Amino acid sequence: MTRMLVNAKVRAIKAREALQARAAGDAGQGTLEYLGIVIIAVILVGAIVYAVGEFDLDGKIAKEFESIGEPNAG
């Protein structure tokens, strides 16, 4: 009976050590995930700035104001 209890305790200790070793391998994983999110956000902001830079809003507004005074062709 004592041998059975000792074996059970040894198995429990080994299982706990294995879980701790596996958990130690995940250290820093959250940091990498946040870094990935930040990189994606920077790429999206850069794409939006580039797209807005290509869009000539002032020119379109000026063209519409000029067309207000022109007579309709119909």
PDB file of N, CA and C in Angstrom:
ATOM      1  N   MET A   1       0.828  -1.193   0.000  1.00  0.00           N
ATOM      2  CA  MET A   1       0.000   0.000   0.000  1.00  0.00           C
ATOM      3  C   MET A   1       0.872   1.255   0.000  1.00  0.00           C
ATOM      4  N   THR A   2       1.922   1.288   0.795  1.00  0.00           N
ATOM      5  CA  THR A   2       2.810   2.440   0.853  1.00  0.00           C
ATOM      6  C   THR A   2       3.491   2.651  -0.491  1.00  0.00           C
ATOM      7  N   ARG A   3       3.926   1.572  -1.124  1.00  0.00           N
ATOM      8  CA  ARG A   3       4.583   1.666  -2.427  1.00  0.00           C
ATOM      9  C   ARG A   3       3.625   2.275  -3.459  1.00  0.00           C
ATOM     10  N   MET A   4       2.367   1.908  -3.414  1.00  0.00           N
ATOM     11  CA  MET A   4       1.379   2.427  -4.346  1.00  0.00           C
ATOM     12  C   MET A   4       1.184   3.933  -4.136  1.00  0.00           C
ATOM     13  N   LEU A   5       1.149   4.408  -2.892  1.00  0.00           N
ATOM     14  CA  LEU A   5       1.000   5.826  -2.602  1.00  0.00           C
ATOM     15  C   LEU A   5       2.236   6.611  -3.051  1.00  0.00           C
ATOM     16  N   VAL A   6       3.419   6.034  -2.846  1.00  0.00           N
ATOM     17  CA  VAL A   6       4.654   6.694  -3.269  1.00  0.00           C
ATOM     18  C   VAL A   6       4.681   6.803  -4.793  1.00  0.00           C
ATOM     19  N   ASN A   7       4.302   5.735  -5.492  1.00  0.00           N
ATOM     20  CA  ASN A   7       4.267   5.761  -6.954  1.00  0.00           C
ATOM     21  C   ASN A   7       3.274   6.810  -7.465  1.00  0.00           C
ATOM     22  N   ALA A   8       2.127   6.912  -6.804  1.00  0.00           N
ATOM     23  CA  ALA A   8       1.132   7.908  -7.202  1.00  0.00           C
ATOM     24  C   ALA A   8       1.665   9.316  -6.985  1.00  0.00           C
ATOM     25  N   LYS A   9       2.367   9.524  -5.868  1.00  0.00           N
ATOM     26  CA  LYS A   9       2.936  10.839  -5.589  1.00  0.00           C
ATOM     27  C   LYS A   9       4.022  11.183  -6.610  1.00  0.00           C
ATOM     28  N   VAL A  10       4.856  10.226  -6.959  1.00  0.00           N
ATOM     29  CA  VAL A  10       5.914  10.457  -7.947  1.00  0.00           C
ATOM     30  C   VAL A  10       5.302  10.802  -9.305  1.00  0.00           C
ATOM     31  N   ARG A  11       4.261  10.082  -9.694  1.00  0.00           N
ATOM     32  CA  ARG A  11       3.591  10.385 -10.971  1.00  0.00           C
ATOM     33  C   ARG A  11       2.986  11.777 -10.948  1.00  0.00           C
ATOM     34  N   ALA A  12       2.404  12.185  -9.835  1.00  0.00           N
ATOM     35  CA  ALA A  12       1.805  13.518  -9.717  1.00  0.00           C
ATOM     36  C   ALA A  12       2.876  14.598  -9.813  1.00  0.00           C
ATOM     37  N   ILE A  13       4.012  14.372  -9.167  1.00  0.00           N
ATOM     38  CA  ILE A  13       5.103  15.350  -9.219  1.00  0.00           C
ATOM     39  C   ILE A  13       5.647  15.463 -10.635  1.00  0.00           C
ATOM     40  N   LYS A  14       5.826  14.343 -11.305  1.00  0.00           N
ATOM     41  CA  LYS A  14       6.334  14.370 -12.677  1.00  0.00           C
ATOM     42  C   LYS A  14       5.341  15.051 -13.614  1.00  0.00           C
ATOM     43  N   ALA A  15       4.058  14.827 -13.419  1.00  0.00           N
ATOM     44  CA  ALA A  15       3.044  15.464 -14.246  1.00  0.00           C
ATOM     45  C   ALA A  15       3.055  16.977 -14.032  1.00  0.00           C
ATOM     46  N   ARG A  16       3.192  17.408 -12.765  1.00  0.00           N
ATOM     47  CA  ARG A  16       3.254  18.832 -12.464  1.00  0.00           C
ATOM     48  C   ARG A  16       4.487  19.468 -13.095  1.00  0.00           C
ATOM     49  N   GLU A  17       5.633  18.783 -13.018  1.00  0.00           N
ATOM     50  CA  GLU A  17       6.859  19.302 -13.624  1.00  0.00           C
ATOM     51  C   GLU A  17       6.729  19.400 -15.145  1.00  0.00           C
ATOM     52  N   ALA A  18       6.074  18.433 -15.747  1.00  0.00           N
ATOM     53  CA  ALA A  18       5.881  18.469 -17.196  1.00  0.00           C
ATOM     54  C   ALA A  18       4.988  19.638 -17.594  1.00  0.00           C
ATOM     55  N   LEU A  19       3.936  19.894 -16.816  1.00  0.00           N
ATOM     56  CA  LEU A  19       3.063  21.031 -17.101  1.00  0.00           C
ATOM     57  C   LEU A  19       3.792  22.357 -16.930  1.00  0.00           C
ATOM     58  N   GLN A  20       4.625  22.454 -15.906  1.00  0.00           N
ATOM     59  CA  GLN A  20       5.377  23.689 -15.698  1.00  0.00           C
ATOM     60  C   GLN A  20       6.383  23.911 -16.827  1.00  0.00           C
ATOM     61  N   ALA A  21       7.019  22.845 -17.295  1.00  0.00           N
ATOM     62  CA  ALA A  21       7.987  22.973 -18.386  1.00  0.00           C
ATOM     63  C   ALA A  21       7.277  23.394 -19.676  1.00  0.00           C
ATOM     64  N   ARG A  22       6.105  22.855 -19.918  1.00  0.00           N
ATOM     65  CA  ARG A  22       5.353  23.213 -21.120  1.00  0.00           C
ATOM     66  C   ARG A  22       4.874  24.660 -21.042  1.00  0.00           C
ATOM     67  N   ALA A  23       4.450  25.098 -19.864  1.00  0.00           N
ATOM     68  CA  ALA A  23       3.983  26.475 -19.695  1.00  0.00           C
ATOM     69  C   ALA A  23       5.140  27.463 -19.821  1.00  0.00           C
ATOM     70  N   ALA A  24       6.336  27.067 -19.419  1.00  0.00           N
ATOM     71  CA  ALA A  24       7.490  27.957 -19.508  1.00  0.00           C
ATOM     72  C   ALA A  24       7.858  28.234 -20.964  1.00  0.00           C
ATOM     73  N   GLY A  25       7.526  27.343 -21.878  1.00  0.00           N
ATOM     74  CA  GLY A  25       7.827  27.541 -23.285  1.00  0.00           C
ATOM     75  C   GLY A  25       6.951  28.594 -23.938  1.00  0.00           C
ATOM     76  N   ASP A  26       5.857  28.993 -23.306  1.00  0.00           N
ATOM     77  CA  ASP A  26       4.943  29.991 -23.854  1.00  0.00           C
ATOM     78  C   ASP A  26       5.275  31.400 -23.386  1.00  0.00           C
ATOM     79  N   ALA A  27       6.359  31.563 -22.664  1.00  0.00           N
ATOM     80  CA  ALA A  27       6.721  32.883 -22.149  1.00  0.00           C
ATOM     81  C   ALA A  27       7.000  33.828 -23.312  1.00  0.00           C
ATOM     82  N   GLY A  28       6.415  35.012 -23.261  1.00  0.00           N
ATOM     83  CA  GLY A  28       6.625  36.011 -24.293  1.00  0.00           C
ATOM     84  C   GLY A  28       5.685  35.888 -25.480  1.00  0.00           C
ATOM     85  N   GLN A  29       4.824  34.915 -25.488  1.00  0.00           N
ATOM     86  CA  GLN A  29       3.911  34.714 -26.614  1.00  0.00           C
ATOM     87  C   GLN A  29       2.953  35.894 -26.756  1.00  0.00           C
ATOM     88  N   GLY A  30       2.468  36.424 -25.650  1.00  0.00           N
ATOM     89  CA  GLY A  30       1.552  37.562 -25.700  1.00  0.00           C
ATOM     90  C   GLY A  30       2.224  38.794 -26.296  1.00  0.00           C
ATOM     91  N   THR A  31       3.497  38.984 -25.974  1.00  0.00           N
ATOM     92  CA  THR A  31       4.240  40.119 -26.524  1.00  0.00           C
ATOM     93  C   THR A  31       4.322  40.029 -28.036  1.00  0.00           C
ATOM     94  N   LEU A  32       4.573  38.851 -28.547  1.00  0.00           N
ATOM     95  CA  LEU A  32       4.650  38.667 -29.994  1.00  0.00           C
ATOM     96  C   LEU A  32       3.305  38.929 -30.658  1.00  0.00           C
ATOM     97  N   GLU A  33       2.225  38.523 -30.012  1.00  0.00           N
ATOM     98  CA  GLU A  33       0.900  38.768 -30.569  1.00  0.00           C
ATOM     99  C   GLU A  33       0.603  40.270 -30.625  1.00  0.00           C
ATOM    100  N   TYR A  34       0.935  41.000 -29.547  1.00  0.00           N
ATOM    101  CA  TYR A  34       0.722  42.444 -29.555  1.00  0.00           C
ATOM    102  C   TYR A  34       1.601  43.124 -30.601  1.00  0.00           C
ATOM    103  N   LEU A  35       2.815  42.654 -30.772  1.00  0.00           N
ATOM    104  CA  LEU A  35       3.697  43.217 -31.791  1.00  0.00           C
ATOM    105  C   LEU A  35       3.109  43.010 -33.185  1.00  0.00           C
ATOM    106  N   GLY A  36       2.533  41.847 -33.435  1.00  0.00           N
ATOM    107  CA  GLY A  36       1.882  41.584 -34.718  1.00  0.00           C
ATOM    108  C   GLY A  36       0.709  42.516 -34.955  1.00  0.00           C
ATOM    109  N   ILE A  37      -0.074  42.769 -33.932  1.00  0.00           N
ATOM    110  CA  ILE A  37      -1.219  43.673 -34.051  1.00  0.00           C
ATOM    111  C   ILE A  37      -0.742  45.094 -34.358  1.00  0.00           C
ATOM    112  N   VAL A  38       0.318  45.530 -33.690  1.00  0.00           N
ATOM    113  CA  VAL A  38       0.851  46.875 -33.926  1.00  0.00           C
ATOM    114  C   VAL A  38       1.379  46.999 -35.353  1.00  0.00           C
ATOM    115  N   ILE A  39       2.066  45.978 -35.837  1.00  0.00           N
ATOM    116  CA  ILE A  39       2.599  46.013 -37.203  1.00  0.00           C
ATOM    117  C   ILE A  39       1.458  46.101 -38.223  1.00  0.00           C
ATOM    118  N   ILE A  40       0.415  45.322 -38.027  1.00  0.00           N
ATOM    119  CA  ILE A  40      -0.734  45.370 -38.940  1.00  0.00           C
ATOM    120  C   ILE A  40      -1.398  46.744 -38.892  1.00  0.00           C
ATOM    121  N   ALA A  41      -1.523  47.336 -37.701  1.00  0.00           N
ATOM    122  CA  ALA A  41      -2.124  48.670 -37.579  1.00  0.00           C
ATOM    123  C   ALA A  41      -1.285  49.708 -38.317  1.00  0.00           C
ATOM    124  N   VAL A  42       0.035  49.611 -38.203  1.00  0.00           N
ATOM    125  CA  VAL A  42       0.911  50.563 -38.895  1.00  0.00           C
ATOM    126  C   VAL A  42       0.762  50.423 -40.414  1.00  0.00           C
ATOM    127  N   ILE A  43       0.682  49.195 -40.889  1.00  0.00           N
ATOM    128  CA  ILE A  43       0.507  48.965 -42.332  1.00  0.00           C
ATOM    129  C   ILE A  43      -0.822  49.555 -42.811  1.00  0.00           C
ATOM    130  N   LEU A  44      -1.895  49.346 -42.045  1.00  0.00           N
ATOM    131  CA  LEU A  44      -3.198  49.889 -42.429  1.00  0.00           C
ATOM    132  C   LEU A  44      -3.204  51.410 -42.437  1.00  0.00           C
ATOM    133  N   VAL A  45      -2.614  52.027 -41.422  1.00  0.00           N
ATOM    134  CA  VAL A  45      -2.563  53.487 -41.375  1.00  0.00           C
ATOM    135  C   VAL A  45      -1.741  54.015 -42.542  1.00  0.00           C
ATOM    136  N   GLY A  46      -0.633  53.366 -42.844  1.00  0.00           N
ATOM    137  CA  GLY A  46       0.188  53.770 -43.981  1.00  0.00           C
ATOM    138  C   GLY A  46      -0.570  53.665 -45.292  1.00  0.00           C
ATOM    139  N   ALA A  47      -1.349  52.601 -45.465  1.00  0.00           N
ATOM    140  CA  ALA A  47      -2.133  52.435 -46.689  1.00  0.00           C
ATOM    141  C   ALA A  47      -3.208  53.508 -46.799  1.00  0.00           C
ATOM    142  N   ILE A  48      -3.833  53.848 -45.695  1.00  0.00           N
ATOM    143  CA  ILE A  48      -4.865  54.888 -45.709  1.00  0.00           C
ATOM    144  C   ILE A  48      -4.250  56.248 -46.046  1.00  0.00           C
ATOM    145  N   VAL A  49      -3.107  56.557 -45.446  1.00  0.00           N
ATOM    146  CA  VAL A  49      -2.445  57.830 -45.736  1.00  0.00           C
ATOM    147  C   VAL A  49      -2.033  57.893 -47.196  1.00  0.00           C
ATOM    148  N   TYR A  50      -1.526  56.807 -47.728  1.00  0.00           N
ATOM    149  CA  TYR A  50      -1.124  56.768 -49.136  1.00  0.00           C
ATOM    150  C   TYR A  50      -2.340  56.956 -50.049  1.00  0.00           C
ATOM    151  N   ALA A  51      -3.438  56.298 -49.719  1.00  0.00           N
ATOM    152  CA  ALA A  51      -4.644  56.392 -50.550  1.00  0.00           C
ATOM    153  C   ALA A  51      -5.229  57.801 -50.511  1.00  0.00           C
ATOM    154  N   VAL A  52      -5.243  58.425 -49.362  1.00  0.00           N
ATOM    155  CA  VAL A  52      -5.781  59.775 -49.239  1.00  0.00           C
ATOM    156  C   VAL A  52      -4.861  60.765 -49.943  1.00  0.00           C
ATOM    157  N   GLY A  53      -3.572  60.517 -49.939  1.00  0.00           N
ATOM    158  CA  GLY A  53      -2.628  61.390 -50.628  1.00  0.00           C
ATOM    159  C   GLY A  53      -2.838  61.365 -52.129  1.00  0.00           C
ATOM    160  N   GLU A  54      -3.278  60.261 -52.677  1.00  0.00           N
ATOM    161  CA  GLU A  54      -3.533  60.131 -54.109  1.00  0.00           C
ATOM    162  C   GLU A  54      -4.873  60.763 -54.505  1.00  0.00           C
ATOM    163  N   PHE A  55      -5.751  60.973 -53.572  1.00  0.00           N
ATOM    164  CA  PHE A  55      -7.093  61.486 -53.838  1.00  0.00           C
ATOM    165  C   PHE A  55      -7.043  63.007 -53.831  1.00  0.00           C
ATOM    166  N   ASP A  56      -7.438  63.632 -54.919  1.00  0.00           N
ATOM    167  CA  ASP A  56      -7.380  65.085 -55.061  1.00  0.00           C
ATOM    168  C   ASP A  56      -8.731  65.687 -54.677  1.00  0.00           C
ATOM    169  N   LEU A  57      -8.971  65.816 -53.403  1.00  0.00           N
ATOM    170  CA  LEU A  57     -10.242  66.330 -52.912  1.00  0.00           C
ATOM    171  C   LEU A  57     -10.409  67.811 -53.262  1.00  0.00           C
ATOM    172  N   ASP A  58      -9.358  68.583 -53.113  1.00  0.00           N
ATOM    173  CA  ASP A  58      -9.453  70.015 -53.425  1.00  0.00           C
ATOM    174  C   ASP A  58      -9.813  70.246 -54.893  1.00  0.00           C
ATOM    175  N   GLY A  59      -9.192  69.491 -55.772  1.00  0.00           N
ATOM    176  CA  GLY A  59      -9.486  69.635 -57.196  1.00  0.00           C
ATOM    177  C   GLY A  59     -10.918  69.278 -57.530  1.00  0.00           C
ATOM    178  N   LYS A  60     -11.437  68.240 -56.919  1.00  0.00           N
ATOM    179  CA  LYS A  60     -12.822  67.834 -57.183  1.00  0.00           C
ATOM    180  C   LYS A  60     -13.807  68.880 -56.671  1.00  0.00           C
ATOM    181  N   ILE A  61     -13.537  69.431 -55.496  1.00  0.00           N
ATOM    182  CA  ILE A  61     -14.435  70.455 -54.944  1.00  0.00           C
ATOM    183  C   ILE A  61     -14.412  71.701 -55.825  1.00  0.00           C
ATOM    184  N   ALA A  62     -13.215  72.116 -56.258  1.00  0.00           N
ATOM    185  CA  ALA A  62     -13.109  73.300 -57.115  1.00  0.00           C
ATOM    186  C   ALA A  62     -13.833  73.073 -58.437  1.00  0.00           C
ATOM    187  N   LYS A  63     -13.716  71.892 -59.003  1.00  0.00           N
ATOM    188  CA  LYS A  63     -14.387  71.571 -60.267  1.00  0.00           C
ATOM    189  C   LYS A  63     -15.902  71.644 -60.110  1.00  0.00           C
ATOM    190  N   GLU A  64     -16.430  71.147 -59.003  1.00  0.00           N
ATOM    191  CA  GLU A  64     -17.883  71.182 -58.766  1.00  0.00           C
ATOM    192  C   GLU A  64     -18.364  72.614 -58.586  1.00  0.00           C
ATOM    193  N   PHE A  65     -17.587  73.447 -57.882  1.00  0.00           N
ATOM    194  CA  PHE A  65     -17.990  74.843 -57.718  1.00  0.00           C
ATOM    195  C   PHE A  65     -17.974  75.581 -59.052  1.00  0.00           C
ATOM    196  N   GLU A  66     -17.024  75.263 -59.907  1.00  0.00           N
ATOM    197  CA  GLU A  66     -16.973  75.890 -61.227  1.00  0.00           C
ATOM    198  C   GLU A  66     -18.162  75.459 -62.087  1.00  0.00           C
ATOM    199  N   SER A  67     -18.574  74.226 -61.920  1.00  0.00           N
ATOM    200  CA  SER A  67     -19.679  73.723 -62.745  1.00  0.00           C
ATOM    201  C   SER A  67     -21.037  74.257 -62.302  1.00  0.00           C
ATOM    202  N   ILE A  68     -21.114  74.862 -61.118  1.00  0.00           N
ATOM    203  CA  ILE A  68     -22.387  75.399 -60.647  1.00  0.00           C
ATOM    204  C   ILE A  68     -22.831  76.558 -61.526  1.00  0.00           C
ATOM    205  N   GLY A  69     -21.922  77.420 -61.948  1.00  0.00           N
ATOM    206  CA  GLY A  69     -22.262  78.578 -62.750  1.00  0.00           C
ATOM    207  C   GLY A  69     -22.474  78.287 -64.214  1.00  0.00           C
ATOM    208  N   GLU A  70     -22.108  77.105 -64.672  1.00  0.00           N
ATOM    209  CA  GLU A  70     -22.241  76.785 -66.079  1.00  0.00           C
ATOM    210  C   GLU A  70     -23.686  76.391 -66.402  1.00  0.00           C
ATOM    211  N   PRO A  71     -24.160  76.778 -67.578  1.00  0.00           N
ATOM    212  CA  PRO A  71     -25.526  76.374 -67.950  1.00  0.00           C
ATOM    213  C   PRO A  71     -25.580  74.868 -68.262  1.00  0.00           C
ATOM    214  N   ASN A  72     -26.718  74.267 -68.017  1.00  0.00           N
ATOM    215  CA  ASN A  72     -26.905  72.840 -68.311  1.00  0.00           C
ATOM    216  C   ASN A  72     -26.936  72.612 -69.819  1.00  0.00           C
ATOM    217  N   ALA A  73     -26.424  71.474 -70.239  1.00  0.00           N
ATOM    218  CA  ALA A  73     -26.371  71.169 -71.668  1.00  0.00           C
ATOM    219  C   ALA A  73     -27.650  70.459 -72.109  1.00  0.00           C
ATOM    220  N   GLY A  74     -28.711  70.648 -71.512  1.00  0.00           N
ATOM    221  CA  GLY A  74     -29.874  69.898 -71.927  1.00  0.00           C
ATOM    222  C   GLY A  74     -31.100  70.604 -71.882  1.00  0.00           C
TER     223      GLY A  74
END
